[in-house]
Amino acid sequence: MLSVAEQGVAVEPGAVRNADEWFRLMVETGLAPGLRALGLSGKGRRYRVVRDDHVGQVAILQSNVGPTATRFTLALSVTATDEWSAQRRVRPYLRRAGHAGTGWEERIGNLILVGSGVPIGDLWWQVDAGKPFGALSREVLTAVREFGLPAVYEQIRSRVDQR
């Protein structure tokens, strides 16, 4: 595993970070650049791709475990761009809560198939404050690349074909 310094993250000597701060640091320095490299745009905890009049989104959902650890998972969604615009204008709180409106939405664990094609189910990763997170970021990005984005693009393709 890479140390924080080896990950290219500047941390002040003697700095103490709680789980929320460490999680934000992992998102900013590990996940965000990786998601952008996969063709998504966005910031914070929401990244999207627009294709064929649809918005595909990867949302990072966090659940605190305590002051030294936090858990997170990913919610993926696809919404028609006209509905996306309407939902943002009329119900901005839905966007913040990760709702896809009347579109498609699925958690990443239900897209990762093992064995004979069985989804692994509810999948949460854990970040521990002060612990290296480079390998964890790479694991999450691999799940997005191998399972998440193909599912998003398939949903967009099927909605376009239904027109």
Protein backbone atom coordinates (compact mmCIF):
# COMPACT_ATOMS: atom_id res chain seq x y z
CA MET A 1 0.00 0.00 0.00
CA LEU A 2 1.11 3.54 -0.69
CA SER A 3 1.57 5.98 2.14
CA VAL A 4 -0.36 9.23 2.07
CA ALA A 5 2.82 10.97 0.92
CA GLU A 6 3.31 8.36 -1.83
CA GLN A 7 -0.27 9.01 -2.99
CA GLY A 8 0.69 12.63 -3.65
CA VAL A 9 -1.34 13.97 -0.74
CA ALA A 10 0.12 16.82 1.30
CA VAL A 11 -0.64 16.43 4.98
CA GLU A 12 0.74 18.87 7.51
CA PRO A 13 3.05 17.34 10.14
CA GLY A 14 1.07 16.57 13.26
CA ALA A 15 -2.29 17.06 11.51
CA VAL A 16 -5.11 15.03 12.95
CA ARG A 17 -7.96 14.16 10.63
CA ASN A 18 -11.22 12.52 11.61
CA ALA A 19 -12.98 9.95 9.45
CA ASP A 20 -15.04 12.55 7.54
CA GLU A 21 -11.96 14.59 6.66
CA TRP A 22 -10.04 11.48 5.65
CA PHE A 23 -12.96 10.30 3.52
CA ARG A 24 -13.14 13.70 1.76
CA LEU A 25 -9.40 13.52 1.16
CA MET A 26 -9.77 10.06 -0.40
CA VAL A 27 -12.59 11.26 -2.65
CA GLU A 28 -10.70 14.40 -3.72
CA THR A 29 -7.33 12.75 -4.34
CA GLY A 30 -8.26 9.17 -5.25
CA LEU A 31 -11.80 8.72 -6.51
CA ALA A 32 -12.49 12.07 -8.22
CA PRO A 33 -9.46 12.00 -10.54
CA GLY A 34 -10.10 8.33 -11.32
CA LEU A 35 -13.78 8.90 -12.13
CA ARG A 36 -12.83 11.80 -14.39
CA ALA A 37 -10.27 9.56 -16.11
CA LEU A 38 -13.15 7.14 -16.81
CA GLY A 39 -14.97 9.93 -18.69
CA LEU A 40 -17.25 11.25 -15.96
CA SER A 41 -17.53 14.90 -14.97
CA GLY A 42 -18.49 16.28 -11.61
CA LYS A 43 -17.18 17.07 -8.18
CA GLY A 44 -17.75 16.16 -4.57
CA ARG A 45 -19.84 13.01 -4.45
CA ARG A 46 -21.63 13.18 -7.84
CA TYR A 47 -20.13 12.30 -11.22
CA ARG A 48 -22.00 12.00 -14.48
CA VAL A 49 -21.80 11.31 -18.16
CA VAL A 50 -24.29 12.61 -20.72
CA ARG A 51 -24.96 10.37 -23.70
CA ASP A 52 -27.87 10.03 -26.15
CA ASP A 53 -30.14 12.46 -24.25
CA HIS A 54 -29.56 10.64 -20.95
CA VAL A 55 -27.56 11.40 -17.82
CA GLY A 56 -25.72 8.51 -16.22
CA GLN A 57 -24.60 9.25 -12.68
CA VAL A 58 -22.32 7.71 -10.07
CA ALA A 59 -23.13 8.97 -6.57
CA ILE A 60 -20.91 8.28 -3.57
CA LEU A 61 -23.04 7.57 -0.49
CA GLN A 62 -21.42 7.81 2.95
CA SER A 63 -22.38 6.32 6.30
CA ASN A 64 -20.34 7.22 9.37
CA VAL A 65 -19.14 4.38 11.57
CA GLY A 66 -17.57 6.65 14.18
CA PRO A 67 -14.87 9.27 14.56
CA THR A 68 -12.15 7.01 13.14
CA ALA A 69 -13.93 5.24 10.27
CA THR A 70 -16.55 5.82 7.62
CA ARG A 71 -18.23 3.50 5.15
CA PHE A 72 -19.35 4.27 1.62
CA THR A 73 -21.03 2.69 -1.36
CA LEU A 74 -21.98 3.80 -4.86
CA ALA A 75 -25.41 4.38 -6.37
CA LEU A 76 -25.61 4.44 -10.15
CA SER A 77 -28.49 5.93 -12.07
CA VAL A 78 -29.73 6.83 -15.54
CA THR A 79 -32.29 9.54 -16.25
CA ALA A 80 -33.45 11.18 -19.48
CA THR A 81 -31.90 14.65 -19.77
CA ASP A 82 -35.29 16.38 -19.98
CA GLU A 83 -36.40 14.71 -16.75
CA TRP A 84 -33.00 15.40 -15.17
CA SER A 85 -33.41 19.12 -15.84
CA ALA A 86 -37.00 19.13 -14.58
CA GLN A 87 -36.06 17.26 -11.37
CA ARG A 88 -33.16 19.63 -10.66
CA ARG A 89 -35.41 22.64 -11.08
CA VAL A 90 -38.49 21.37 -9.21
CA ARG A 91 -36.99 19.06 -6.57
CA PRO A 92 -33.33 19.93 -5.92
CA TYR A 93 -33.41 17.92 -2.68
CA LEU A 94 -33.89 14.70 -4.68
CA ARG A 95 -30.64 15.24 -6.52
CA ARG A 96 -28.78 15.67 -3.23
CA ALA A 97 -30.38 12.51 -1.86
CA GLY A 98 -29.22 10.49 -4.88
CA HIS A 99 -32.66 9.77 -6.37
CA ALA A 100 -32.88 9.03 -10.08
CA GLY A 101 -36.47 10.20 -10.48
CA THR A 102 -38.36 7.79 -12.70
CA GLY A 103 -35.16 6.51 -14.28
CA TRP A 104 -33.04 3.50 -13.40
CA GLU A 105 -31.04 3.29 -10.16
CA GLU A 106 -28.95 0.51 -8.68
CA ARG A 107 -26.30 0.06 -6.02
CA ILE A 108 -22.88 -1.13 -7.20
CA GLY A 109 -23.04 -4.39 -5.21
CA ASN A 110 -26.08 -5.51 -7.19
CA LEU A 111 -24.12 -5.06 -10.42
CA ILE A 112 -21.08 -7.10 -9.40
CA LEU A 113 -21.72 -10.71 -10.31
CA VAL A 114 -19.83 -13.66 -8.84
CA GLY A 115 -19.93 -17.40 -9.36
CA SER A 116 -22.79 -18.29 -11.67
CA GLY A 117 -23.86 -14.67 -12.14
CA VAL A 118 -25.19 -13.97 -8.65
CA PRO A 119 -24.90 -10.35 -7.44
CA ILE A 120 -22.82 -9.92 -4.30
CA GLY A 121 -25.51 -7.62 -2.90
CA ASP A 122 -25.07 -4.78 -0.45
CA LEU A 123 -21.44 -3.64 -0.78
CA TRP A 124 -19.82 -1.03 1.45
CA TRP A 125 -16.17 -0.06 1.62
CA GLN A 126 -14.58 1.31 4.81
CA VAL A 127 -12.05 4.12 5.15
CA ASP A 128 -10.12 4.36 8.41
CA ALA A 129 -8.77 7.77 9.36
CA GLY A 130 -5.02 7.98 8.88
CA LYS A 131 -4.74 4.68 6.98
CA PRO A 132 -3.54 4.57 3.34
CA PHE A 133 -6.40 4.51 0.84
CA GLY A 134 -4.67 4.15 -2.53
CA ALA A 135 -5.50 0.46 -2.93
CA LEU A 136 -9.08 1.08 -1.81
CA SER A 137 -9.52 3.88 -4.37
CA ARG A 138 -8.19 1.61 -7.12
CA GLU A 139 -10.57 -1.20 -6.06
CA VAL A 140 -13.58 1.13 -6.17
CA LEU A 141 -12.55 2.53 -9.58
CA THR A 142 -12.14 -1.02 -10.92
CA ALA A 143 -15.69 -1.85 -9.79
CA VAL A 144 -16.98 1.27 -11.56
CA ARG A 145 -15.03 0.52 -14.75
CA GLU A 146 -15.82 -3.21 -14.91
CA PHE A 147 -19.40 -3.30 -13.62
CA GLY A 148 -20.86 0.17 -13.00
CA LEU A 149 -20.26 1.98 -16.27
CA PRO A 150 -21.16 -1.01 -18.48
CA ALA A 151 -24.51 -1.22 -16.62
CA VAL A 152 -25.08 2.54 -17.02
CA TYR A 153 -24.29 2.43 -20.75
CA GLU A 154 -26.54 -0.62 -21.20
CA GLN A 155 -29.43 1.20 -19.50
CA ILE A 156 -28.91 4.20 -21.76
CA ARG A 157 -28.73 1.94 -24.83
CA SER A 158 -31.96 0.13 -23.88
CA ARG A 159 -33.83 3.41 -23.28
CA VAL A 160 -32.66 4.79 -26.63
CA ASP A 161 -33.76 1.55 -28.35
CA GLN A 162 -37.24 1.85 -26.76
CA ARG A 163 -37.93 5.17 -28.47
